[in-house]
Amino acid sequence: MGASKTSQFNQHTIQLATIARALAHPARITIIEHLLNHQCIMQKEIASIVKLSPVTVHDHISKLKDANLLDFHFIHNQYMVSLKLNDISVLTNFLPQSHSNT
């Protein structure tokens, strides 16, 4: 694999690419869609929503967390997951612009 030449791109473009990579799986998109409709959910409930094993769900959540899309809160001995709406807005602001330019 070659070296990444991210220095030629601005920070906004790099952040958008990171988010796009994190969303590049149907399970992760399902998690994000569910969180858009429900502000917060227990991490262990996500496995039943996407119908995958807890270990697989943990990997998907980790990728979304690495892209800075999720917040975690420890409430009543459970981890609650919610969206970081500021970072998701990078994507939502980009999509209408891309669509209107075509």
N, C-alpha and C. Protein backbone atom coordinates (compact mmCIF):
# COMPACT_ATOMS: atom_id res chain seq x y z
N MET A 1 0.83 -1.16 0.00
CA MET A 1 0.00 0.00 0.00
C MET A 1 0.89 1.24 0.00
N GLY A 2 0.52 2.25 -0.77
CA GLY A 2 1.30 3.47 -0.85
C GLY A 2 1.03 4.39 0.31
N ALA A 3 1.89 5.39 0.41
CA ALA A 3 1.74 6.38 1.48
C ALA A 3 0.58 7.32 1.15
N SER A 4 -0.11 7.74 2.16
CA SER A 4 -1.22 8.66 1.99
C SER A 4 -0.68 10.07 1.85
N LYS A 5 -1.20 10.82 0.89
CA LYS A 5 -0.75 12.19 0.67
C LYS A 5 -1.82 13.17 1.13
N THR A 6 -2.19 13.07 2.39
CA THR A 6 -3.26 13.93 2.90
C THR A 6 -2.83 15.38 3.04
N SER A 7 -1.53 15.66 3.01
CA SER A 7 -1.07 17.04 3.18
C SER A 7 -1.54 17.95 2.05
N GLN A 8 -1.92 17.39 0.92
CA GLN A 8 -2.38 18.22 -0.19
C GLN A 8 -3.86 18.59 -0.09
N PHE A 9 -4.54 18.11 0.96
CA PHE A 9 -5.96 18.38 1.13
C PHE A 9 -6.20 19.19 2.39
N ASN A 10 -7.28 19.99 2.38
CA ASN A 10 -7.58 20.78 3.57
C ASN A 10 -8.23 19.90 4.64
N GLN A 11 -8.28 20.41 5.85
CA GLN A 11 -8.77 19.65 7.00
C GLN A 11 -10.24 19.24 6.83
N HIS A 12 -11.04 20.09 6.23
CA HIS A 12 -12.45 19.77 6.01
C HIS A 12 -12.60 18.56 5.10
N THR A 13 -11.82 18.51 4.04
CA THR A 13 -11.87 17.39 3.10
C THR A 13 -11.40 16.10 3.76
N ILE A 14 -10.37 16.18 4.57
CA ILE A 14 -9.86 15.00 5.28
C ILE A 14 -10.91 14.50 6.27
N GLN A 15 -11.55 15.42 6.99
CA GLN A 15 -12.59 15.03 7.95
C GLN A 15 -13.77 14.38 7.23
N LEU A 16 -14.17 14.91 6.10
CA LEU A 16 -15.27 14.34 5.32
C LEU A 16 -14.92 12.94 4.82
N ALA A 17 -13.69 12.73 4.39
CA ALA A 17 -13.26 11.40 3.93
C ALA A 17 -13.24 10.40 5.09
N THR A 18 -12.84 10.83 6.25
CA THR A 18 -12.84 9.97 7.44
C THR A 18 -14.26 9.53 7.78
N ILE A 19 -15.20 10.47 7.73
CA ILE A 19 -16.60 10.15 8.01
C ILE A 19 -17.15 9.21 6.95
N ALA A 20 -16.83 9.47 5.69
CA ALA A 20 -17.32 8.61 4.61
C ALA A 20 -16.80 7.18 4.76
N ARG A 21 -15.53 7.02 5.14
CA ARG A 21 -14.98 5.66 5.37
C ARG A 21 -15.71 4.99 6.52
N ALA A 22 -16.01 5.74 7.56
CA ALA A 22 -16.69 5.16 8.72
C ALA A 22 -18.10 4.71 8.37
N LEU A 23 -18.73 5.36 7.40
CA LEU A 23 -20.09 5.02 7.02
C LEU A 23 -20.15 3.98 5.90
N ALA A 24 -19.02 3.44 5.53
CA ALA A 24 -18.94 2.53 4.38
C ALA A 24 -19.33 1.10 4.70
N HIS A 25 -20.34 0.93 5.53
CA HIS A 25 -20.86 -0.41 5.83
C HIS A 25 -22.33 -0.27 6.22
N PRO A 26 -23.18 -1.16 5.71
CA PRO A 26 -24.63 -1.06 6.01
C PRO A 26 -24.95 -1.09 7.51
N ALA A 27 -24.20 -1.85 8.29
CA ALA A 27 -24.47 -1.90 9.74
C ALA A 27 -24.20 -0.54 10.38
N ARG A 28 -23.14 0.12 9.96
CA ARG A 28 -22.82 1.43 10.54
C ARG A 28 -23.84 2.48 10.13
N ILE A 29 -24.31 2.40 8.90
CA ILE A 29 -25.35 3.33 8.46
C ILE A 29 -26.63 3.08 9.25
N THR A 30 -26.95 1.82 9.51
CA THR A 30 -28.13 1.48 10.31
C THR A 30 -28.00 2.03 11.72
N ILE A 31 -26.83 1.92 12.30
CA ILE A 31 -26.59 2.46 13.65
C ILE A 31 -26.81 3.98 13.65
N ILE A 32 -26.23 4.67 12.67
CA ILE A 32 -26.38 6.13 12.58
C ILE A 32 -27.84 6.51 12.36
N GLU A 33 -28.54 5.81 11.46
CA GLU A 33 -29.96 6.10 11.22
C GLU A 33 -30.78 5.93 12.49
N HIS A 34 -30.49 4.87 13.23
CA HIS A 34 -31.22 4.64 14.48
C HIS A 34 -30.94 5.76 15.48
N LEU A 35 -29.70 6.19 15.56
CA LEU A 35 -29.35 7.26 16.49
C LEU A 35 -29.92 8.61 16.06
N LEU A 36 -30.13 8.79 14.78
CA LEU A 36 -30.78 10.03 14.32
C LEU A 36 -32.23 10.08 14.78
N ASN A 37 -32.87 8.91 14.88
CA ASN A 37 -34.27 8.84 15.30
C ASN A 37 -34.43 8.72 16.82
N HIS A 38 -33.41 8.22 17.50
CA HIS A 38 -33.44 8.06 18.95
C HIS A 38 -32.16 8.68 19.48
N GLN A 39 -32.28 9.69 20.29
CA GLN A 39 -31.11 10.46 20.71
C GLN A 39 -30.01 9.63 21.34
N CYS A 40 -30.38 8.63 22.09
CA CYS A 40 -29.40 7.87 22.86
C CYS A 40 -29.88 6.43 22.96
N ILE A 41 -28.94 5.49 22.93
CA ILE A 41 -29.31 4.08 23.04
C ILE A 41 -28.21 3.34 23.78
N MET A 42 -28.60 2.28 24.47
CA MET A 42 -27.61 1.46 25.16
C MET A 42 -26.79 0.70 24.12
N GLN A 43 -25.49 0.64 24.37
CA GLN A 43 -24.60 -0.03 23.43
C GLN A 43 -25.01 -1.48 23.20
N LYS A 44 -25.44 -2.16 24.24
CA LYS A 44 -25.79 -3.57 24.07
C LYS A 44 -27.07 -3.77 23.26
N GLU A 45 -27.93 -2.75 23.16
CA GLU A 45 -29.15 -2.84 22.36
C GLU A 45 -28.86 -2.78 20.86
N ILE A 46 -27.74 -2.20 20.50
CA ILE A 46 -27.42 -2.02 19.08
C ILE A 46 -27.28 -3.37 18.38
N ALA A 47 -26.76 -4.38 19.07
CA ALA A 47 -26.61 -5.71 18.47
C ALA A 47 -27.95 -6.26 18.01
N SER A 48 -29.00 -6.06 18.81
CA SER A 48 -30.31 -6.56 18.40
C SER A 48 -30.90 -5.72 17.27
N ILE A 49 -30.54 -4.46 17.20
CA ILE A 49 -31.06 -3.59 16.14
C ILE A 49 -30.46 -3.98 14.79
N VAL A 50 -29.14 -4.20 14.75
CA VAL A 50 -28.48 -4.53 13.48
C VAL A 50 -28.38 -6.03 13.25
N LYS A 51 -28.83 -6.82 14.23
CA LYS A 51 -28.85 -8.28 14.14
C LYS A 51 -27.47 -8.87 13.85
N LEU A 52 -26.50 -8.39 14.63
CA LEU A 52 -25.13 -8.89 14.56
C LEU A 52 -24.65 -9.21 15.97
N SER A 53 -23.57 -9.97 16.05
CA SER A 53 -23.04 -10.33 17.36
C SER A 53 -22.49 -9.08 18.07
N PRO A 54 -22.49 -9.10 19.40
CA PRO A 54 -21.96 -7.96 20.15
C PRO A 54 -20.50 -7.62 19.79
N VAL A 55 -19.71 -8.63 19.49
CA VAL A 55 -18.30 -8.38 19.12
C VAL A 55 -18.23 -7.63 17.80
N THR A 56 -19.03 -8.04 16.83
CA THR A 56 -19.06 -7.36 15.53
C THR A 56 -19.57 -5.94 15.69
N VAL A 57 -20.60 -5.78 16.49
CA VAL A 57 -21.15 -4.44 16.74
C VAL A 57 -20.10 -3.55 17.41
N HIS A 58 -19.33 -4.11 18.33
CA HIS A 58 -18.28 -3.35 18.98
C HIS A 58 -17.27 -2.83 17.95
N ASP A 59 -16.91 -3.66 16.98
CA ASP A 59 -15.99 -3.22 15.92
C ASP A 59 -16.59 -2.08 15.11
N HIS A 60 -17.87 -2.19 14.77
CA HIS A 60 -18.52 -1.13 14.00
C HIS A 60 -18.62 0.17 14.81
N ILE A 61 -18.96 0.05 16.07
CA ILE A 61 -19.04 1.23 16.93
C ILE A 61 -17.67 1.88 17.07
N SER A 62 -16.63 1.06 17.17
CA SER A 62 -15.27 1.59 17.27
C SER A 62 -14.90 2.41 16.04
N LYS A 63 -15.29 1.95 14.87
CA LYS A 63 -14.98 2.69 13.64
C LYS A 63 -15.75 4.01 13.60
N LEU A 64 -16.98 4.01 14.06
CA LEU A 64 -17.74 5.25 14.12
C LEU A 64 -17.16 6.20 15.17
N LYS A 65 -16.70 5.63 16.27
CA LYS A 65 -16.08 6.44 17.31
C LYS A 65 -14.76 7.03 16.82
N ASP A 66 -13.97 6.24 16.10
CA ASP A 66 -12.70 6.73 15.55
C ASP A 66 -12.91 7.89 14.58
N ALA A 67 -14.05 7.90 13.90
CA ALA A 67 -14.38 8.99 12.99
C ALA A 67 -15.00 10.18 13.74
N ASN A 68 -15.05 10.07 15.05
CA ASN A 68 -15.55 11.13 15.92
C ASN A 68 -17.03 11.42 15.71
N LEU A 69 -17.80 10.35 15.42
CA LEU A 69 -19.22 10.50 15.18
C LEU A 69 -20.08 10.16 16.39
N LEU A 70 -19.50 9.50 17.38
CA LEU A 70 -20.29 9.04 18.53
C LEU A 70 -19.75 9.58 19.84
N ASP A 71 -20.67 9.77 20.77
CA ASP A 71 -20.35 10.09 22.17
C ASP A 71 -20.77 8.90 23.01
N PHE A 72 -20.06 8.68 24.11
CA PHE A 72 -20.40 7.61 25.05
C PHE A 72 -20.63 8.22 26.42
N HIS A 73 -21.67 7.74 27.08
CA HIS A 73 -22.00 8.19 28.43
C HIS A 73 -22.21 6.95 29.28
N PHE A 74 -21.66 6.95 30.47
CA PHE A 74 -21.85 5.82 31.38
C PHE A 74 -22.96 6.19 32.35
N ILE A 75 -24.13 5.56 32.15
CA ILE A 75 -25.31 5.87 32.96
C ILE A 75 -25.88 4.56 33.49
N HIS A 76 -26.10 4.50 34.79
CA HIS A 76 -26.70 3.33 35.43
C HIS A 76 -25.99 2.03 35.04
N ASN A 77 -24.67 2.04 35.14
CA ASN A 77 -23.84 0.87 34.87
C ASN A 77 -23.93 0.37 33.43
N GLN A 78 -24.26 1.24 32.51
CA GLN A 78 -24.34 0.87 31.10
C GLN A 78 -23.79 2.02 30.25
N TYR A 79 -23.19 1.64 29.12
CA TYR A 79 -22.74 2.66 28.18
C TYR A 79 -23.89 3.05 27.26
N MET A 80 -24.13 4.33 27.18
CA MET A 80 -25.13 4.88 26.27
C MET A 80 -24.37 5.53 25.11
N VAL A 81 -24.89 5.36 23.91
CA VAL A 81 -24.26 5.88 22.71
C VAL A 81 -25.17 6.96 22.12
N SER A 82 -24.58 8.06 21.70
CA SER A 82 -25.33 9.11 21.02
C SER A 82 -24.46 9.70 19.92
N LEU A 83 -25.09 10.42 19.01
CA LEU A 83 -24.37 11.06 17.91
C LEU A 83 -23.73 12.35 18.35
N LYS A 84 -22.59 12.63 17.77
CA LYS A 84 -21.98 13.95 17.90
C LYS A 84 -22.51 14.76 16.73
N LEU A 85 -23.53 15.52 16.97
CA LEU A 85 -24.23 16.20 15.88
C LEU A 85 -23.36 17.22 15.16
N ASN A 86 -22.41 17.83 15.84
CA ASN A 86 -21.53 18.79 15.18
C ASN A 86 -20.72 18.12 14.08
N ASP A 87 -20.23 16.91 14.35
CA ASP A 87 -19.41 16.23 13.36
C ASP A 87 -20.25 15.62 12.25
N ILE A 88 -21.45 15.19 12.55
CA ILE A 88 -22.32 14.64 11.51
C ILE A 88 -22.77 15.76 10.57
N SER A 89 -22.80 17.00 11.06
CA SER A 89 -23.22 18.13 10.22
C SER A 89 -22.23 18.38 9.09
N VAL A 90 -20.98 17.97 9.24
CA VAL A 90 -20.00 18.09 8.16
C VAL A 90 -20.52 17.32 6.94
N LEU A 91 -21.05 16.14 7.18
CA LEU A 91 -21.57 15.31 6.09
C LEU A 91 -22.89 15.86 5.55
N THR A 92 -23.78 16.25 6.43
CA THR A 92 -25.09 16.74 5.97
C THR A 92 -24.95 18.07 5.22
N ASN A 93 -23.97 18.87 5.58
CA ASN A 93 -23.74 20.12 4.85
C ASN A 93 -23.11 19.86 3.49
N PHE A 94 -22.31 18.81 3.38
CA PHE A 94 -21.64 18.48 2.13
C PHE A 94 -22.62 17.91 1.10
N LEU A 95 -23.50 17.02 1.50
CA LEU A 95 -24.37 16.32 0.56
C LEU A 95 -25.26 17.25 -0.26
N PRO A 96 -25.96 18.23 0.32
CA PRO A 96 -26.78 19.11 -0.51
C PRO A 96 -25.95 19.89 -1.52
N GLN A 97 -24.74 20.30 -1.13
CA GLN A 97 -23.87 21.04 -2.04
C GLN A 97 -23.48 20.15 -3.22
N SER A 98 -23.14 18.92 -2.97
CA SER A 98 -22.74 18.00 -4.04
C SER A 98 -23.90 17.74 -4.98
N HIS A 99 -25.07 17.56 -4.42
CA HIS A 99 -26.25 17.25 -5.23
C HIS A 99 -26.64 18.45 -6.11
N SER A 100 -26.53 19.66 -5.59
CA SER A 100 -26.95 20.83 -6.35
C SER A 100 -25.96 21.19 -7.44
N ASN A 101 -24.73 20.70 -7.35
CA ASN A 101 -23.72 20.99 -8.37
C ASN A 101 -23.82 20.11 -9.59
N THR A 102 -24.66 19.09 -9.55
CA THR A 102 -24.76 18.15 -10.69
C THR A 102 -25.86 18.56 -11.64
